[in-house]
């Protein structure tokens, strides 16, 4: 079996992802990344890229992971001085308050994420970790299989990473296309995972009219990408250009950047690379997620440069903010806060049980 890091022939085809999420094979290598990303004199780094069989037909893809020509202009980190990030964000989430509220729609979430990424980038943070609530992009009605019995599709096709990829990709394309606020030349999209991987990680490369403003976003990229030998080469080549890891927590081979590589301790050959990767992307600039903790639906929310916020859905269905912290709270912290909430609200075990069964 060929290693995913082994360079396939230069003539290998490229599988591009359309707005609808389907694969369009047969494009040339040069169409994936711009000329400045494949400069002369540089060794071509590549990954053999294959989409998940459940998402589309197996299509080999060659991805050139090479350096960019020049670093971003001097003074980028001071660009936009005098315009506060809080002011821009406040206009999106909660006008007049100076900070965003929990988004009520996908479009509002995407605007908040875009503003947070831009604010952090202007502050010199060129490697960012972002998580969106992808479940908000899923269709409201349950998909049917289309067979004679017209039964609902299995969960992996309705709520799993395949369904999330298909539903969210058009929104992610729009988000990436608007990054940096500069003229877009072309948005190039390709799947980046080996055929043996359950992941369907996707590279969205924003080629700007000014090559210094190019940006790369890796959507649903999993553990293999974090430890691949080509990844550090790509990041080094991008220099100070923006690179975002988007929703790796929702990849099939999930991991969490705040665990600082401890998720990879069972992988001795990838552990050190994972530690370095998590250190590189430690800045979580936008985060909106929901989960069940101690029987309660809770939400975590953070929009750079604001603190982390912790919400809980009470017995009456209303969403209440319980805590604010400078650092992302751990699962144990969130569980302790739900216990405090139960005591303060005098929630009986029976009432909690009835709520959990709704």
Foldseek 3Di string as FASTA:
>chain_A
DDDQFDADDQQFWAWFQDLQGATDIDDHQCVFDDDQQVDPPWDWTWGFFFAEVVQYNTGTHTHTQAAGNDAADPPQLVPPPPDDLLQQQCVLAPPPPSHHDPDPAPVSQLSLQQSLLQNVLSNQQQFAEEEDALVRQFDPDFQFPPDPVRHGDPCCCRPAPSRSCSRCSSVVLVSQQPHPPAAFDDWTKGFRDDHVDQWRKMWIWTCGPPNNAIEIEIELDEDCLLQDPSNVNSVVSNHSHHYYYYPVCRTPRRDDLVVQQPSCPVPVNRRVSNNVSSVSHVHHAWYWYWDAAPLWIKIWTHHPPAFIWIWTQDLVRDIDTQDTDNDDDDSVVNNVSVVVVCVVVVPDPVSSVVSSVD
